[in-house]
N, C-alpha and C. Protein backbone atom coordinates (compact mmCIF):
# COMPACT_ATOMS: atom_id res chain seq x y z
N MET A 1 0.84 -1.16 0.00
CA MET A 1 0.00 0.00 0.00
C MET A 1 0.90 1.24 0.00
N PHE A 2 0.55 2.21 -0.81
CA PHE A 2 1.30 3.46 -0.91
C PHE A 2 0.59 4.53 -0.10
N VAL A 3 1.35 5.22 0.76
CA VAL A 3 0.80 6.31 1.54
C VAL A 3 1.61 7.56 1.23
N TYR A 4 0.93 8.59 0.78
CA TYR A 4 1.60 9.85 0.46
C TYR A 4 1.63 10.74 1.71
N VAL A 5 2.82 11.18 2.07
CA VAL A 5 2.98 12.10 3.19
C VAL A 5 3.54 13.39 2.62
N GLN A 6 2.77 14.46 2.76
CA GLN A 6 3.20 15.74 2.25
C GLN A 6 4.43 16.22 3.00
N ALA A 7 5.38 16.77 2.28
CA ALA A 7 6.60 17.28 2.92
C ALA A 7 6.27 18.45 3.82
N ARG A 8 6.94 18.51 4.97
CA ARG A 8 6.74 19.63 5.88
C ARG A 8 7.36 20.87 5.27
N PRO A 9 6.72 22.02 5.46
CA PRO A 9 7.28 23.24 4.88
C PRO A 9 8.62 23.59 5.53
N LYS A 10 9.52 24.08 4.75
CA LYS A 10 10.82 24.51 5.26
C LYS A 10 10.76 26.03 5.44
N TRP A 11 10.97 26.46 6.68
CA TRP A 11 10.92 27.89 6.98
C TRP A 11 12.22 28.53 6.56
N ARG A 12 12.14 29.61 5.86
CA ARG A 12 13.32 30.34 5.45
C ARG A 12 13.74 31.35 6.53
N GLU A 13 12.79 31.78 7.32
CA GLU A 13 13.07 32.74 8.38
C GLU A 13 13.31 32.01 9.69
N GLY A 14 14.00 32.71 10.60
CA GLY A 14 14.16 32.15 11.94
C GLY A 14 12.83 32.25 12.68
N TRP A 15 12.59 31.37 13.61
CA TRP A 15 11.33 31.37 14.37
C TRP A 15 11.57 30.78 15.74
N PHE A 16 10.66 31.08 16.66
CA PHE A 16 10.64 30.44 17.97
C PHE A 16 9.22 30.46 18.48
N MET A 17 8.92 29.60 19.45
CA MET A 17 7.60 29.57 20.07
C MET A 17 7.57 30.64 21.15
N ALA A 18 6.50 31.40 21.22
CA ALA A 18 6.36 32.43 22.24
C ALA A 18 5.21 32.08 23.16
N ILE A 19 5.34 32.49 24.40
CA ILE A 19 4.31 32.26 25.41
C ILE A 19 3.48 33.55 25.51
N GLN A 20 2.22 33.48 25.12
CA GLN A 20 1.39 34.67 25.03
C GLN A 20 1.23 35.38 26.36
N GLU A 21 0.99 34.67 27.45
CA GLU A 21 0.80 35.29 28.75
C GLU A 21 2.04 36.08 29.17
N ALA A 22 3.21 35.55 28.83
CA ALA A 22 4.45 36.24 29.17
C ALA A 22 4.58 37.54 28.39
N PHE A 23 4.13 37.55 27.14
CA PHE A 23 4.20 38.78 26.35
C PHE A 23 3.25 39.84 26.91
N ILE A 24 2.11 39.42 27.42
CA ILE A 24 1.20 40.36 28.08
C ILE A 24 1.88 40.95 29.31
N ALA A 25 2.53 40.10 30.10
CA ALA A 25 3.23 40.57 31.29
C ALA A 25 4.37 41.52 30.93
N LEU A 26 5.09 41.22 29.86
CA LEU A 26 6.17 42.11 29.41
C LEU A 26 5.60 43.48 29.02
N ALA A 27 4.49 43.48 28.32
CA ALA A 27 3.87 44.74 27.89
C ALA A 27 3.40 45.57 29.08
N LYS A 28 2.97 44.91 30.16
CA LYS A 28 2.48 45.62 31.34
C LYS A 28 3.59 46.08 32.27
N ASP A 29 4.77 45.54 32.13
CA ASP A 29 5.89 45.86 33.04
C ASP A 29 6.49 47.22 32.68
N LYS A 30 6.24 48.22 33.50
CA LYS A 30 6.68 49.59 33.23
C LYS A 30 8.20 49.75 33.28
N THR A 31 8.90 48.85 33.96
CA THR A 31 10.36 48.94 34.02
C THR A 31 11.01 48.51 32.72
N LEU A 32 10.24 47.91 31.83
CA LEU A 32 10.81 47.40 30.58
C LEU A 32 10.46 48.25 29.36
N SER A 33 10.08 49.49 29.56
CA SER A 33 9.80 50.34 28.41
C SER A 33 11.11 50.87 27.84
N GLY A 34 11.05 51.39 26.66
CA GLY A 34 12.22 52.02 26.05
C GLY A 34 13.37 51.08 25.77
N ARG A 35 14.56 51.47 26.23
CA ARG A 35 15.78 50.73 25.91
C ARG A 35 15.75 49.26 26.34
N PRO A 36 15.33 48.94 27.57
CA PRO A 36 15.32 47.51 27.93
C PRO A 36 14.45 46.67 26.98
N MET A 37 13.31 47.21 26.57
CA MET A 37 12.45 46.46 25.66
C MET A 37 13.08 46.34 24.28
N ARG A 38 13.73 47.39 23.83
CA ARG A 38 14.43 47.33 22.53
C ARG A 38 15.54 46.28 22.57
N VAL A 39 16.31 46.28 23.66
CA VAL A 39 17.40 45.30 23.79
C VAL A 39 16.83 43.89 23.85
N LEU A 40 15.77 43.68 24.62
CA LEU A 40 15.14 42.36 24.71
C LEU A 40 14.63 41.91 23.35
N THR A 41 13.95 42.79 22.65
CA THR A 41 13.42 42.43 21.33
C THR A 41 14.54 42.06 20.37
N TYR A 42 15.62 42.83 20.39
CA TYR A 42 16.76 42.51 19.52
C TYR A 42 17.35 41.16 19.89
N MET A 43 17.54 40.94 21.19
CA MET A 43 18.15 39.68 21.62
C MET A 43 17.25 38.49 21.31
N MET A 44 15.94 38.67 21.42
CA MET A 44 15.03 37.59 21.04
C MET A 44 15.12 37.31 19.54
N GLY A 45 15.38 38.34 18.78
CA GLY A 45 15.59 38.17 17.34
C GLY A 45 16.87 37.42 17.02
N ARG A 46 17.81 37.39 17.94
CA ARG A 46 19.07 36.68 17.76
C ARG A 46 19.10 35.33 18.48
N LEU A 47 17.94 34.87 18.90
CA LEU A 47 17.81 33.63 19.66
C LEU A 47 18.33 32.44 18.86
N ASN A 48 19.18 31.66 19.50
CA ASN A 48 19.71 30.43 18.90
C ASN A 48 19.04 29.22 19.53
N TRP A 49 19.43 28.05 19.08
CA TRP A 49 18.87 26.79 19.54
C TRP A 49 19.00 26.65 21.04
N GLU A 50 17.96 26.10 21.67
CA GLU A 50 17.90 25.89 23.12
C GLU A 50 17.96 27.21 23.89
N ASN A 51 17.54 28.30 23.24
CA ASN A 51 17.38 29.63 23.83
C ASN A 51 18.68 30.37 24.13
N TYR A 52 19.79 29.93 23.58
CA TYR A 52 21.04 30.66 23.78
C TYR A 52 21.07 31.90 22.90
N ILE A 53 21.70 32.95 23.41
CA ILE A 53 21.89 34.19 22.67
C ILE A 53 23.36 34.54 22.78
N ALA A 54 24.06 34.48 21.66
CA ALA A 54 25.49 34.76 21.65
C ALA A 54 25.72 36.04 20.83
N VAL A 55 25.67 37.16 21.53
CA VAL A 55 25.88 38.45 20.90
C VAL A 55 26.56 39.35 21.92
N THR A 56 27.51 40.14 21.48
CA THR A 56 28.22 41.03 22.41
C THR A 56 27.39 42.28 22.66
N GLN A 57 27.62 42.88 23.82
CA GLN A 57 26.92 44.12 24.13
C GLN A 57 27.31 45.22 23.16
N ALA A 58 28.55 45.20 22.69
CA ALA A 58 28.99 46.19 21.71
C ALA A 58 28.21 46.04 20.40
N GLU A 59 27.96 44.79 20.00
CA GLU A 59 27.19 44.55 18.78
C GLU A 59 25.75 45.02 18.94
N VAL A 60 25.14 44.75 20.09
CA VAL A 60 23.77 45.20 20.35
C VAL A 60 23.74 46.73 20.32
N ALA A 61 24.70 47.37 20.97
CA ALA A 61 24.77 48.83 21.01
C ALA A 61 24.89 49.39 19.60
N ASP A 62 25.76 48.80 18.81
CA ASP A 62 25.97 49.27 17.44
C ASP A 62 24.72 49.09 16.59
N GLU A 63 24.09 47.93 16.68
CA GLU A 63 22.90 47.64 15.88
C GLU A 63 21.72 48.54 16.24
N LEU A 64 21.60 48.89 17.53
CA LEU A 64 20.46 49.68 17.98
C LEU A 64 20.77 51.17 18.12
N GLY A 65 22.03 51.55 17.87
CA GLY A 65 22.41 52.96 18.00
C GLY A 65 22.36 53.46 19.43
N LEU A 66 22.74 52.59 20.36
CA LEU A 66 22.74 52.94 21.79
C LEU A 66 24.15 52.94 22.32
N ASP A 67 24.36 53.62 23.46
CA ASP A 67 25.63 53.55 24.15
C ASP A 67 25.76 52.17 24.78
N LYS A 68 26.99 51.67 24.84
CA LYS A 68 27.23 50.35 25.43
C LYS A 68 26.79 50.31 26.90
N GLN A 69 26.94 51.43 27.62
CA GLN A 69 26.53 51.48 29.02
C GLN A 69 25.02 51.29 29.15
N ASN A 70 24.25 51.84 28.22
CA ASN A 70 22.79 51.68 28.23
C ASN A 70 22.40 50.24 27.94
N VAL A 71 23.12 49.60 27.04
CA VAL A 71 22.86 48.18 26.74
C VAL A 71 23.21 47.34 27.96
N ASN A 72 24.33 47.65 28.60
CA ASN A 72 24.75 46.93 29.80
C ASN A 72 23.68 47.05 30.88
N ALA A 73 23.15 48.26 31.11
CA ALA A 73 22.12 48.46 32.13
C ALA A 73 20.84 47.71 31.77
N ALA A 74 20.48 47.71 30.49
CA ALA A 74 19.26 47.01 30.06
C ALA A 74 19.40 45.51 30.27
N ILE A 75 20.54 44.95 29.90
CA ILE A 75 20.76 43.51 30.08
C ILE A 75 20.78 43.16 31.56
N LYS A 76 21.40 44.01 32.37
CA LYS A 76 21.42 43.78 33.82
C LYS A 76 19.99 43.72 34.36
N LEU A 77 19.12 44.63 33.94
CA LEU A 77 17.73 44.64 34.37
C LEU A 77 17.01 43.38 33.90
N LEU A 78 17.23 42.97 32.67
CA LEU A 78 16.59 41.77 32.13
C LEU A 78 17.02 40.52 32.89
N VAL A 79 18.28 40.47 33.30
CA VAL A 79 18.78 39.34 34.09
C VAL A 79 18.18 39.39 35.49
N GLU A 80 18.14 40.57 36.10
CA GLU A 80 17.54 40.71 37.44
C GLU A 80 16.07 40.30 37.44
N ARG A 81 15.34 40.61 36.38
CA ARG A 81 13.93 40.27 36.28
C ARG A 81 13.71 38.80 35.94
N GLY A 82 14.78 38.07 35.61
CA GLY A 82 14.66 36.65 35.30
C GLY A 82 14.25 36.38 33.86
N ILE A 83 14.23 37.39 33.03
CA ILE A 83 13.84 37.21 31.62
C ILE A 83 14.99 36.60 30.85
N LEU A 84 16.18 37.13 31.09
CA LEU A 84 17.40 36.55 30.53
C LEU A 84 18.19 35.91 31.65
N GLN A 85 18.93 34.89 31.30
CA GLN A 85 19.82 34.22 32.25
C GLN A 85 21.23 34.29 31.68
N ARG A 86 22.19 34.51 32.54
CA ARG A 86 23.57 34.54 32.06
C ARG A 86 24.00 33.12 31.72
N GLY A 87 24.53 32.97 30.53
CA GLY A 87 25.02 31.66 30.08
C GLY A 87 26.52 31.59 30.21
N PRO A 88 27.14 30.65 29.53
CA PRO A 88 28.59 30.52 29.61
C PRO A 88 29.30 31.68 28.90
N LYS A 89 30.52 31.93 29.32
CA LYS A 89 31.32 32.98 28.70
C LYS A 89 31.86 32.46 27.36
N LEU A 90 31.75 33.29 26.35
CA LEU A 90 32.28 32.97 25.03
C LEU A 90 33.38 33.98 24.71
N GLY A 91 34.62 33.55 24.89
CA GLY A 91 35.72 34.49 24.74
C GLY A 91 35.70 35.47 25.90
N ARG A 92 35.60 36.77 25.58
CA ARG A 92 35.56 37.80 26.62
C ARG A 92 34.14 38.24 26.95
N SER A 93 33.17 37.72 26.23
CA SER A 93 31.78 38.15 26.43
C SER A 93 30.92 37.02 27.00
N TRP A 94 29.90 37.42 27.76
CA TRP A 94 28.94 36.44 28.28
C TRP A 94 27.93 36.12 27.20
N SER A 95 27.47 34.89 27.20
CA SER A 95 26.29 34.55 26.41
C SER A 95 25.10 34.66 27.36
N TYR A 96 23.92 34.65 26.80
CA TYR A 96 22.70 34.73 27.61
C TYR A 96 21.74 33.67 27.13
N ARG A 97 20.70 33.47 27.90
CA ARG A 97 19.68 32.49 27.56
C ARG A 97 18.32 33.08 27.91
N LEU A 98 17.38 32.99 27.00
CA LEU A 98 16.03 33.45 27.27
C LEU A 98 15.35 32.45 28.19
N ASN A 99 14.73 32.95 29.27
CA ASN A 99 13.98 32.09 30.18
C ASN A 99 12.86 31.43 29.37
N SER A 100 12.70 30.14 29.51
CA SER A 100 11.72 29.41 28.70
C SER A 100 10.28 29.77 29.04
N ALA A 101 10.07 30.55 30.10
CA ALA A 101 8.72 31.03 30.40
C ALA A 101 8.27 32.06 29.38
N TYR A 102 9.19 32.58 28.57
CA TYR A 102 8.87 33.61 27.57
C TYR A 102 8.83 33.06 26.15
N GLY A 103 9.55 32.01 25.89
CA GLY A 103 9.57 31.43 24.55
C GLY A 103 10.58 30.30 24.48
N TRP A 104 10.57 29.59 23.36
CA TRP A 104 11.47 28.45 23.21
C TRP A 104 11.84 28.27 21.75
N LYS A 105 13.12 28.06 21.51
CA LYS A 105 13.61 27.70 20.18
C LYS A 105 14.38 26.41 20.34
N GLY A 106 13.81 25.36 19.87
CA GLY A 106 14.43 24.05 19.99
C GLY A 106 13.38 22.97 19.92
N LYS A 107 13.80 21.76 20.15
CA LYS A 107 12.87 20.64 20.14
C LYS A 107 11.97 20.72 21.36
N THR A 108 10.68 20.52 21.15
CA THR A 108 9.73 20.63 22.26
C THR A 108 9.97 19.57 23.32
N ILE A 109 10.55 18.44 22.94
CA ILE A 109 10.83 17.41 23.95
C ILE A 109 11.87 17.89 24.96
N HIS A 110 12.71 18.87 24.58
CA HIS A 110 13.71 19.41 25.49
C HIS A 110 13.17 20.57 26.33
N LEU A 111 12.01 21.09 25.96
CA LEU A 111 11.43 22.22 26.69
C LEU A 111 11.10 21.83 28.13
N HIS A 112 10.50 20.67 28.33
CA HIS A 112 10.15 20.23 29.69
C HIS A 112 11.41 20.08 30.55
N GLU A 113 12.47 19.52 29.97
CA GLU A 113 13.73 19.38 30.71
C GLU A 113 14.26 20.74 31.13
N ARG A 114 14.20 21.70 30.22
CA ARG A 114 14.71 23.04 30.52
C ARG A 114 13.88 23.70 31.61
N ARG A 115 12.57 23.58 31.53
CA ARG A 115 11.70 24.18 32.55
C ARG A 115 11.92 23.54 33.91
N THR A 116 12.16 22.24 33.95
CA THR A 116 12.45 21.57 35.21
C THR A 116 13.75 22.11 35.79
N GLN A 117 14.75 22.30 34.95
CA GLN A 117 16.03 22.84 35.40
C GLN A 117 15.85 24.28 35.90
N GLU A 118 15.10 25.10 35.17
CA GLU A 118 14.87 26.48 35.59
C GLU A 118 14.11 26.53 36.92
N ALA A 119 13.15 25.62 37.11
CA ALA A 119 12.42 25.59 38.38
C ALA A 119 13.38 25.28 39.53
N GLY A 120 14.34 24.41 39.29
CA GLY A 120 15.36 24.11 40.29
C GLY A 120 16.27 25.28 40.56
N ASP A 121 16.40 26.16 39.55
CA ASP A 121 17.22 27.37 39.70
C ASP A 121 16.39 28.55 40.21
N ALA A 122 15.20 28.27 40.73
CA ALA A 122 14.28 29.28 41.27
C ALA A 122 13.70 30.19 40.20
N LEU A 123 13.65 29.73 38.95
CA LEU A 123 13.00 30.48 37.87
C LEU A 123 11.76 29.69 37.49
N ALA A 124 10.60 30.24 37.75
CA ALA A 124 9.35 29.50 37.57
C ALA A 124 9.00 29.30 36.10
N PRO A 125 8.68 28.06 35.71
CA PRO A 125 8.19 27.84 34.35
C PRO A 125 6.77 28.37 34.22
N VAL A 126 6.34 28.60 33.01
CA VAL A 126 5.03 29.20 32.76
C VAL A 126 3.90 28.41 33.40
N ASP A 127 3.92 27.08 33.32
CA ASP A 127 2.79 26.32 33.87
C ASP A 127 2.74 26.38 35.39
N ALA A 128 3.76 26.93 36.03
CA ALA A 128 3.73 27.09 37.49
C ALA A 128 3.29 28.51 37.87
N LEU A 129 3.11 29.38 36.90
CA LEU A 129 2.72 30.75 37.19
C LEU A 129 1.22 30.86 37.29
N PRO A 130 0.72 31.57 38.32
CA PRO A 130 -0.73 31.68 38.49
C PRO A 130 -1.40 32.53 37.41
N GLY A 131 -0.72 33.44 36.78
CA GLY A 131 -1.33 34.26 35.75
C GLY A 131 -0.37 35.30 35.25
N PRO A 132 -0.71 36.00 34.17
CA PRO A 132 0.22 36.97 33.58
C PRO A 132 0.60 38.10 34.53
N GLU A 133 -0.30 38.48 35.43
CA GLU A 133 0.03 39.56 36.36
C GLU A 133 1.16 39.17 37.29
N SER A 134 1.32 37.89 37.55
CA SER A 134 2.33 37.45 38.50
C SER A 134 3.71 37.26 37.86
N LEU A 135 3.80 37.36 36.55
CA LEU A 135 5.11 37.23 35.92
C LEU A 135 6.05 38.34 36.37
N HIS A 136 5.48 39.53 36.57
CA HIS A 136 6.27 40.67 37.05
C HIS A 136 5.46 41.37 38.12
N THR A 137 6.13 41.77 39.16
CA THR A 137 5.44 42.48 40.22
C THR A 137 5.85 43.93 40.21
């Protein structure tokens, strides 16, 4: 018996899964307006597999037309809020990782593992959050 299986579409653009409730919480968070939101949006656009982001602060500053000190302050705020996590150092620069409560780029079978690890690191996964208002206080 012959069974035809249509080929899956190949995406030419980069993509990731986003968590809608987290985006609502980001929009409501007044501390993330302006530069921090621009930096976050840019870094989410540079998201690599398993949520790693390997970009220097100088590159972000150059791409967005910001001072490096402003980018540094924005990233520091994003890390303090738990949106970004500091990853391993790559050369002289830190890499970062997007908290999986906000989105995921990778195999979905690895998403549960990552959320379990983040919960152990005191970063709540989305399914443990009571609602979008609680993502940020």
